[in-house]
Full PDB file with SEQRES, HELIX, SHEET, SSBOND, CRYST1, ORIGX, SCALE, CONECT and MASTER records, all heavy atoms in Angstrom:
SEQRES   1 A   31  PHE ILE THR LEU PHE THR ALA ILE ILE GLY SER VAL ALA          
SEQRES   2 A   31  PHE LYS GLY PHE PHE SER THR ILE PRO ILE LEU ILE SER          
SEQRES   3 A   31  ILE VAL VAL GLY TYR                                          
HELIX    1 AA1 ILE A    2  ALA A   13  1                                  12    
HELIX    2 AA2 GLY A   16  THR A   20  5                                   5    
HELIX    3 AA3 PRO A   22  GLY A   30  1                                   9    
CRYST1    1.000    1.000    1.000  90.00  90.00  90.00 P 1           1          
ORIGX1      1.000000  0.000000  0.000000        0.00000                         
ORIGX2      0.000000  1.000000  0.000000        0.00000                         
ORIGX3      0.000000  0.000000  1.000000        0.00000                         
SCALE1      1.000000  0.000000  0.000000        0.00000                         
SCALE2      0.000000  1.000000  0.000000        0.00000                         
SCALE3      0.000000  0.000000  1.000000        0.00000                         
ATOM      1  N   PHE A   1       0.836  -1.244   0.021  1.00  0.00           N  
ATOM      2  CA  PHE A   1       0.029  -0.021   0.013  1.00  0.00           C  
ATOM      3  C   PHE A   1       0.875   1.266   0.000  1.00  0.00           C  
ATOM      4  O   PHE A   1       0.410   2.283  -0.569  1.00  0.00           O  
ATOM      5  CB  PHE A   1      -0.984  -0.015   1.154  1.00  0.00           C  
ATOM      6  CG  PHE A   1      -2.131  -0.854   0.954  1.00  0.00           C  
ATOM      7  CD1 PHE A   1      -2.398  -2.033   1.704  1.00  0.00           C  
ATOM      8  CD2 PHE A   1      -3.082  -0.543  -0.038  1.00  0.00           C  
ATOM      9  CE1 PHE A   1      -3.473  -2.837   1.465  1.00  0.00           C  
ATOM     10  CE2 PHE A   1      -4.234  -1.303  -0.295  1.00  0.00           C  
ATOM     11  CZ  PHE A   1      -4.388  -2.472   0.503  1.00  0.00           C  
ATOM     12  N   ILE A   2       2.055   1.255   0.660  1.00  0.00           N  
ATOM     13  CA  ILE A   2       2.937   2.399   0.536  1.00  0.00           C  
ATOM     14  C   ILE A   2       3.364   2.646  -0.873  1.00  0.00           C  
ATOM     15  O   ILE A   2       3.340   3.783  -1.408  1.00  0.00           O  
ATOM     16  CB  ILE A   2       4.175   2.194   1.455  1.00  0.00           C  
ATOM     17  CG1 ILE A   2       3.823   2.279   2.933  1.00  0.00           C  
ATOM     18  CG2 ILE A   2       5.303   3.191   1.102  1.00  0.00           C  
ATOM     19  CD1 ILE A   2       4.884   1.826   3.837  1.00  0.00           C  
ATOM     20  N   THR A   3       3.688   1.561  -1.592  1.00  0.00           N  
ATOM     21  CA  THR A   3       4.099   1.690  -3.010  1.00  0.00           C  
ATOM     22  C   THR A   3       2.950   2.162  -3.859  1.00  0.00           C  
ATOM     23  O   THR A   3       3.076   3.098  -4.684  1.00  0.00           O  
ATOM     24  CB  THR A   3       4.614   0.352  -3.544  1.00  0.00           C  
ATOM     25  OG1 THR A   3       5.621  -0.196  -2.679  1.00  0.00           O  
ATOM     26  CG2 THR A   3       5.159   0.482  -4.969  1.00  0.00           C  
ATOM     27  N   LEU A   4       1.812   1.536  -3.705  1.00  0.00           N  
ATOM     28  CA  LEU A   4       0.636   1.927  -4.514  1.00  0.00           C  
ATOM     29  C   LEU A   4       0.171   3.359  -4.282  1.00  0.00           C  
ATOM     30  O   LEU A   4      -0.107   4.079  -5.183  1.00  0.00           O  
ATOM     31  CB  LEU A   4      -0.539   0.902  -4.203  1.00  0.00           C  
ATOM     32  CG  LEU A   4      -1.889   1.253  -4.830  1.00  0.00           C  
ATOM     33  CD1 LEU A   4      -1.780   1.291  -6.382  1.00  0.00           C  
ATOM     34  CD2 LEU A   4      -2.950   0.261  -4.435  1.00  0.00           C  
ATOM     35  N   PHE A   5       0.128   3.731  -2.943  1.00  0.00           N  
ATOM     36  CA  PHE A   5      -0.281   5.087  -2.566  1.00  0.00           C  
ATOM     37  C   PHE A   5       0.646   6.116  -3.183  1.00  0.00           C  
ATOM     38  O   PHE A   5       0.228   7.154  -3.672  1.00  0.00           O  
ATOM     39  CB  PHE A   5      -0.360   5.218  -1.052  1.00  0.00           C  
ATOM     40  CG  PHE A   5      -0.916   6.497  -0.594  1.00  0.00           C  
ATOM     41  CD1 PHE A   5      -2.274   6.831  -0.739  1.00  0.00           C  
ATOM     42  CD2 PHE A   5      -0.065   7.448  -0.006  1.00  0.00           C  
ATOM     43  CE1 PHE A   5      -2.820   7.995  -0.284  1.00  0.00           C  
ATOM     44  CE2 PHE A   5      -0.611   8.648   0.407  1.00  0.00           C  
ATOM     45  CZ  PHE A   5      -1.960   8.948   0.304  1.00  0.00           C  
ATOM     46  N   THR A   6       1.959   5.858  -3.165  1.00  0.00           N  
ATOM     47  CA  THR A   6       2.954   6.775  -3.720  1.00  0.00           C  
ATOM     48  C   THR A   6       2.677   6.929  -5.215  1.00  0.00           C  
ATOM     49  O   THR A   6       2.779   8.035  -5.774  1.00  0.00           O  
ATOM     50  CB  THR A   6       4.380   6.280  -3.467  1.00  0.00           C  
ATOM     51  OG1 THR A   6       4.555   6.102  -2.028  1.00  0.00           O  
ATOM     52  CG2 THR A   6       5.382   7.281  -4.024  1.00  0.00           C  
ATOM     53  N   ALA A   7       2.440   5.796  -5.884  1.00  0.00           N  
ATOM     54  CA  ALA A   7       2.208   5.797  -7.356  1.00  0.00           C  
ATOM     55  C   ALA A   7       0.940   6.638  -7.657  1.00  0.00           C  
ATOM     56  O   ALA A   7       0.932   7.373  -8.640  1.00  0.00           O  
ATOM     57  CB  ALA A   7       2.077   4.410  -7.887  1.00  0.00           C  
ATOM     58  N   ILE A   8      -0.092   6.470  -6.825  1.00  0.00           N  
ATOM     59  CA  ILE A   8      -1.352   7.182  -7.037  1.00  0.00           C  
ATOM     60  C   ILE A   8      -1.175   8.691  -6.859  1.00  0.00           C  
ATOM     61  O   ILE A   8      -1.521   9.497  -7.684  1.00  0.00           O  
ATOM     62  CB  ILE A   8      -2.474   6.673  -6.142  1.00  0.00           C  
ATOM     63  CG1 ILE A   8      -2.864   5.220  -6.527  1.00  0.00           C  
ATOM     64  CG2 ILE A   8      -3.681   7.549  -6.172  1.00  0.00           C  
ATOM     65  CD1 ILE A   8      -3.766   4.528  -5.540  1.00  0.00           C  
ATOM     66  N   ILE A   9      -0.506   9.022  -5.684  1.00  0.00           N  
ATOM     67  CA  ILE A   9      -0.315  10.465  -5.412  1.00  0.00           C  
ATOM     68  C   ILE A   9       0.591  11.055  -6.494  1.00  0.00           C  
ATOM     69  O   ILE A   9       0.331  12.184  -6.983  1.00  0.00           O  
ATOM     70  CB  ILE A   9       0.370  10.588  -4.043  1.00  0.00           C  
ATOM     71  CG1 ILE A   9      -0.586  10.238  -2.917  1.00  0.00           C  
ATOM     72  CG2 ILE A   9       0.847  12.094  -3.825  1.00  0.00           C  
ATOM     73  CD1 ILE A   9      -1.850  11.104  -2.834  1.00  0.00           C  
ATOM     74  N   GLY A  10       1.657  10.385  -6.898  1.00  0.00           N  
ATOM     75  CA  GLY A  10       2.561  10.835  -7.905  1.00  0.00           C  
ATOM     76  C   GLY A  10       1.848  11.068  -9.248  1.00  0.00           C  
ATOM     77  O   GLY A  10       2.095  12.094  -9.952  1.00  0.00           O  
ATOM     78  N   SER A  11       0.922  10.212  -9.622  1.00  0.00           N  
ATOM     79  CA  SER A  11       0.239  10.314 -10.904  1.00  0.00           C  
ATOM     80  C   SER A  11      -0.738  11.490 -10.955  1.00  0.00           C  
ATOM     81  O   SER A  11      -0.907  12.052 -12.010  1.00  0.00           O  
ATOM     82  CB  SER A  11      -0.532   9.001 -11.196  1.00  0.00           C  
ATOM     83  OG  SER A  11       0.390   7.940 -11.274  1.00  0.00           O  
ATOM     84  N   VAL A  12      -1.269  11.860  -9.783  1.00  0.00           N  
ATOM     85  CA  VAL A  12      -2.290  12.893  -9.842  1.00  0.00           C  
ATOM     86  C   VAL A  12      -1.838  14.275  -9.240  1.00  0.00           C  
ATOM     87  O   VAL A  12      -2.419  15.277  -9.541  1.00  0.00           O  
ATOM     88  CB  VAL A  12      -3.588  12.447  -9.096  1.00  0.00           C  
ATOM     89  CG1 VAL A  12      -4.178  11.224  -9.712  1.00  0.00           C  
ATOM     90  CG2 VAL A  12      -3.308  12.235  -7.585  1.00  0.00           C  
ATOM     91  N   ALA A  13      -0.757  14.199  -8.468  1.00  0.00           N  
ATOM     92  CA  ALA A  13      -0.380  15.403  -7.783  1.00  0.00           C  
ATOM     93  C   ALA A  13       1.002  15.969  -8.152  1.00  0.00           C  
ATOM     94  O   ALA A  13       1.269  17.156  -7.954  1.00  0.00           O  
ATOM     95  CB  ALA A  13      -0.409  15.226  -6.262  1.00  0.00           C  
ATOM     96  N   PHE A  14       1.927  15.114  -8.578  1.00  0.00           N  
ATOM     97  CA  PHE A  14       3.252  15.606  -8.989  1.00  0.00           C  
ATOM     98  C   PHE A  14       3.153  16.551 -10.189  1.00  0.00           C  
ATOM     99  O   PHE A  14       2.320  16.380 -11.084  1.00  0.00           O  
ATOM    100  CB  PHE A  14       4.223  14.431  -9.325  1.00  0.00           C  
ATOM    101  CG  PHE A  14       4.637  13.616  -8.136  1.00  0.00           C  
ATOM    102  CD1 PHE A  14       5.368  12.469  -8.339  1.00  0.00           C  
ATOM    103  CD2 PHE A  14       4.348  14.028  -6.839  1.00  0.00           C  
ATOM    104  CE1 PHE A  14       5.774  11.715  -7.250  1.00  0.00           C  
ATOM    105  CE2 PHE A  14       4.693  13.237  -5.789  1.00  0.00           C  
ATOM    106  CZ  PHE A  14       5.456  12.130  -5.944  1.00  0.00           C  
ATOM    107  N   LYS A  15       4.018  17.542 -10.139  1.00  0.00           N  
ATOM    108  CA  LYS A  15       4.064  18.555 -11.243  1.00  0.00           C  
ATOM    109  C   LYS A  15       5.408  18.593 -11.937  1.00  0.00           C  
ATOM    110  O   LYS A  15       6.393  18.140 -11.362  1.00  0.00           O  
ATOM    111  CB  LYS A  15       3.666  19.905 -10.719  1.00  0.00           C  
ATOM    112  CG  LYS A  15       2.236  19.958 -10.168  1.00  0.00           C  
ATOM    113  CD  LYS A  15       1.872  21.348  -9.577  1.00  0.00           C  
ATOM    114  CE  LYS A  15       0.490  21.359  -9.028  1.00  0.00           C  
ATOM    115  NZ  LYS A  15       0.141  22.675  -8.488  1.00  0.00           N  
ATOM    116  N   GLY A  16       5.466  19.240 -13.095  1.00  0.00           N  
ATOM    117  CA  GLY A  16       6.684  19.375 -13.832  1.00  0.00           C  
ATOM    118  C   GLY A  16       7.251  18.036 -14.236  1.00  0.00           C  
ATOM    119  O   GLY A  16       6.567  17.090 -14.547  1.00  0.00           O  
ATOM    120  N   PHE A  17       8.586  17.921 -14.160  1.00  0.00           N  
ATOM    121  CA  PHE A  17       9.279  16.716 -14.588  1.00  0.00           C  
ATOM    122  C   PHE A  17       8.826  15.525 -13.761  1.00  0.00           C  
ATOM    123  O   PHE A  17       8.759  14.382 -14.216  1.00  0.00           O  
ATOM    124  CB  PHE A  17      10.721  16.920 -14.554  1.00  0.00           C  
ATOM    125  CG  PHE A  17      11.572  15.631 -14.724  1.00  0.00           C  
ATOM    126  CD1 PHE A  17      11.517  14.934 -15.929  1.00  0.00           C  
ATOM    127  CD2 PHE A  17      12.279  15.102 -13.666  1.00  0.00           C  
ATOM    128  CE1 PHE A  17      12.204  13.744 -16.054  1.00  0.00           C  
ATOM    129  CE2 PHE A  17      13.016  13.916 -13.815  1.00  0.00           C  
ATOM    130  CZ  PHE A  17      12.925  13.254 -14.985  1.00  0.00           C  
ATOM    131  N   PHE A  18       8.595  15.761 -12.440  1.00  0.00           N  
ATOM    132  CA  PHE A  18       8.247  14.655 -11.558  1.00  0.00           C  
ATOM    133  C   PHE A  18       6.916  13.975 -11.982  1.00  0.00           C  
ATOM    134  O   PHE A  18       6.703  12.842 -11.629  1.00  0.00           O  
ATOM    135  CB  PHE A  18       8.173  15.176 -10.068  1.00  0.00           C  
ATOM    136  CG  PHE A  18       9.456  15.583  -9.545  1.00  0.00           C  
ATOM    137  CD1 PHE A  18       9.828  16.862  -9.411  1.00  0.00           C  
ATOM    138  CD2 PHE A  18      10.381  14.561  -9.150  1.00  0.00           C  
ATOM    139  CE1 PHE A  18      11.043  17.241  -8.854  1.00  0.00           C  
ATOM    140  CE2 PHE A  18      11.628  14.919  -8.644  1.00  0.00           C  
ATOM    141  CZ  PHE A  18      11.975  16.236  -8.503  1.00  0.00           C  
ATOM    142  N   SER A  19       6.107  14.694 -12.687  1.00  0.00           N  
ATOM    143  CA  SER A  19       4.845  14.104 -13.155  1.00  0.00           C  
ATOM    144  C   SER A  19       5.073  13.030 -14.177  1.00  0.00           C  
ATOM    145  O   SER A  19       4.166  12.270 -14.500  1.00  0.00           O  
ATOM    146  CB  SER A  19       3.920  15.168 -13.699  1.00  0.00           C  
ATOM    147  OG  SER A  19       4.444  15.765 -14.925  1.00  0.00           O  
ATOM    148  N   THR A  20       6.296  13.012 -14.795  1.00  0.00           N  
ATOM    149  CA  THR A  20       6.581  11.979 -15.780  1.00  0.00           C  
ATOM    150  C   THR A  20       7.226  10.753 -15.205  1.00  0.00           C  
ATOM    151  O   THR A  20       7.401   9.726 -15.895  1.00  0.00           O  
ATOM    152  CB  THR A  20       7.535  12.585 -16.828  1.00  0.00           C  
ATOM    153  OG1 THR A  20       8.814  12.832 -16.309  1.00  0.00           O  
ATOM    154  CG2 THR A  20       7.007  13.842 -17.483  1.00  0.00           C  
ATOM    155  N   ILE A  21       7.614  10.754 -13.908  1.00  0.00           N  
ATOM    156  CA  ILE A  21       8.325   9.609 -13.352  1.00  0.00           C  
ATOM    157  C   ILE A  21       7.640   9.088 -12.066  1.00  0.00           C  
ATOM    158  O   ILE A  21       8.332   8.686 -11.133  1.00  0.00           O  
ATOM    159  CB  ILE A  21       9.782   9.938 -13.055  1.00  0.00           C  
ATOM    160  CG1 ILE A  21       9.976  11.170 -12.152  1.00  0.00           C  
ATOM    161  CG2 ILE A  21      10.574  10.107 -14.356  1.00  0.00           C  
ATOM    162  CD1 ILE A  21      11.373  11.358 -11.628  1.00  0.00           C  
ATOM    163  N   PRO A  22       6.292   9.058 -11.959  1.00  0.00           N  
ATOM    164  CA  PRO A  22       5.676   8.601 -10.727  1.00  0.00           C  
ATOM    165  C   PRO A  22       5.972   7.083 -10.453  1.00  0.00           C  
ATOM    166  O   PRO A  22       6.059   6.645  -9.302  1.00  0.00           O  
ATOM    167  CB  PRO A  22       4.193   8.826 -10.958  1.00  0.00           C  
ATOM    168  CG  PRO A  22       4.017   8.833 -12.430  1.00  0.00           C  
ATOM    169  CD  PRO A  22       5.281   9.507 -12.941  1.00  0.00           C  
ATOM    170  N   ILE A  23       6.130   6.318 -11.575  1.00  0.00           N  
ATOM    171  CA  ILE A  23       6.422   4.875 -11.447  1.00  0.00           C  
ATOM    172  C   ILE A  23       7.763   4.654 -10.744  1.00  0.00           C  
ATOM    173  O   ILE A  23       7.952   3.896  -9.857  1.00  0.00           O  
ATOM    174  CB  ILE A  23       6.338   4.162 -12.796  1.00  0.00           C  
ATOM    175  CG1 ILE A  23       4.964   4.296 -13.394  1.00  0.00           C  
ATOM    176  CG2 ILE A  23       6.705   2.691 -12.634  1.00  0.00           C  
ATOM    177  CD1 ILE A  23       3.838   3.736 -12.531  1.00  0.00           C  
ATOM    178  N   LEU A  24       8.799   5.372 -11.326  1.00  0.00           N  
ATOM    179  CA  LEU A  24      10.144   5.296 -10.752  1.00  0.00           C  
ATOM    180  C   LEU A  24      10.160   5.750  -9.281  1.00  0.00           C  
ATOM    181  O   LEU A  24      10.759   5.070  -8.447  1.00  0.00           O  
ATOM    182  CB  LEU A  24      11.071   6.181 -11.534  1.00  0.00           C  
ATOM    183  CG  LEU A  24      12.581   6.207 -11.088  1.00  0.00           C  
ATOM    184  CD1 LEU A  24      13.193   4.840 -11.138  1.00  0.00           C  
ATOM    185  CD2 LEU A  24      13.385   7.205 -11.925  1.00  0.00           C  
ATOM    186  N   ILE A  25       9.541   6.850  -8.970  1.00  0.00           N  
ATOM    187  CA  ILE A  25       9.488   7.351  -7.564  1.00  0.00           C  
ATOM    188  C   ILE A  25       8.805   6.356  -6.655  1.00  0.00           C  
ATOM    189  O   ILE A  25       9.309   6.064  -5.543  1.00  0.00           O  
ATOM    190  CB  ILE A  25       8.817   8.716  -7.504  1.00  0.00           C  
ATOM    191  CG1 ILE A  25       9.708   9.752  -8.211  1.00  0.00           C  
ATOM    192  CG2 ILE A  25       8.608   9.156  -6.077  1.00  0.00           C  
ATOM    193  CD1 ILE A  25       9.078  11.113  -8.352  1.00  0.00           C  
ATOM    194  N   SER A  26       7.711   5.771  -7.081  1.00  0.00           N  
ATOM    195  CA  SER A  26       6.956   4.811  -6.295  1.00  0.00           C  
ATOM    196  C   SER A  26       7.770   3.540  -5.994  1.00  0.00           C  
ATOM    197  O   SER A  26       7.741   2.956  -4.907  1.00  0.00           O  
ATOM    198  CB  SER A  26       5.609   4.414  -6.919  1.00  0.00           C  
ATOM    199  OG  SER A  26       5.765   3.775  -8.131  1.00  0.00           O  
ATOM    200  N   ILE A  27       8.570   3.155  -7.007  1.00  0.00           N  
ATOM    201  CA  ILE A  27       9.466   1.935  -6.820  1.00  0.00           C  
ATOM    202  C   ILE A  27      10.503   2.302  -5.789  1.00  0.00           C  
ATOM    203  O   ILE A  27      10.809   1.456  -4.898  1.00  0.00           O  
ATOM    204  CB  ILE A  27      10.111   1.549  -8.188  1.00  0.00           C  
ATOM    205  CG1 ILE A  27       9.120   0.952  -9.113  1.00  0.00           C  
ATOM    206  CG2 ILE A  27      11.274   0.547  -7.939  1.00  0.00           C  
ATOM    207  CD1 ILE A  27       9.652   0.618 -10.490  1.00  0.00           C  
ATOM    208  N   VAL A  28      11.106   3.470  -5.877  1.00  0.00           N  
ATOM    209  CA  VAL A  28      12.111   3.874  -4.915  1.00  0.00           C  
ATOM    210  C   VAL A  28      11.565   3.954  -3.462  1.00  0.00           C  
ATOM    211  O   VAL A  28      12.139   3.406  -2.541  1.00  0.00           O  
ATOM    212  CB  VAL A  28      12.717   5.266  -5.333  1.00  0.00           C  
ATOM    213  CG1 VAL A  28      13.644   5.758  -4.176  1.00  0.00           C  
ATOM    214  CG2 VAL A  28      13.504   5.167  -6.577  1.00  0.00           C  
ATOM    215  N   VAL A  29      10.389   4.567  -3.349  1.00  0.00           N  
ATOM    216  CA  VAL A  29       9.753   4.720  -2.013  1.00  0.00           C  
ATOM    217  C   VAL A  29       9.405   3.301  -1.457  1.00  0.00           C  
ATOM    218  O   VAL A  29       9.611   2.972  -0.281  1.00  0.00           O  
ATOM    219  CB  VAL A  29       8.501   5.578  -2.074  1.00  0.00           C  
ATOM    220  CG1 VAL A  29       7.766   5.555  -0.749  1.00  0.00           C  
ATOM    221  CG2 VAL A  29       8.925   7.035  -2.394  1.00  0.00           C  
ATOM    222  N   GLY A  30       8.775   2.506  -2.293  1.00  0.00           N  
ATOM    223  CA  GLY A  30       8.400   1.109  -1.910  1.00  0.00           C  
ATOM    224  C   GLY A  30       9.673   0.292  -1.562  1.00  0.00           C  
ATOM    225  O   GLY A  30       9.600  -0.450  -0.548  1.00  0.00           O  
ATOM    226  N   TYR A  31      10.730   0.480  -2.290  1.00  0.00           N  
ATOM    227  CA  TYR A  31      11.948  -0.271  -2.016  1.00  0.00           C  
ATOM    228  C   TYR A  31      12.565   0.169  -0.632  1.00  0.00           C  
ATOM    229  O   TYR A  31      12.990  -0.695   0.144  1.00  0.00           O  
ATOM    230  CB  TYR A  31      12.957   0.055  -3.092  1.00  0.00           C  
ATOM    231  CG  TYR A  31      14.200  -0.849  -3.060  1.00  0.00           C  
ATOM    232  CD1 TYR A  31      14.174  -2.090  -3.636  1.00  0.00           C  
ATOM    233  CD2 TYR A  31      15.399  -0.423  -2.500  1.00  0.00           C  
ATOM    234  CE1 TYR A  31      15.348  -2.890  -3.653  1.00  0.00           C  
ATOM    235  CE2 TYR A  31      16.519  -1.186  -2.480  1.00  0.00           C  
ATOM    236  CZ  TYR A  31      16.483  -2.471  -3.036  1.00  0.00           C  
ATOM    237  OH  TYR A  31      17.564  -3.212  -2.997  1.00  0.00           O  
TER     238      TYR A  31                                                      
MASTER        0    0    0    3    0    0    0    6  237    1    0    3          
END                                                                             
């Protein structure tokens, strides 16, 4: 759920360049 929640938040809330890498960020946070 930490990984999934990060991916969801990243997909809808991240802006700029970070909005293009929510999958990568969620993998890092989940890891």
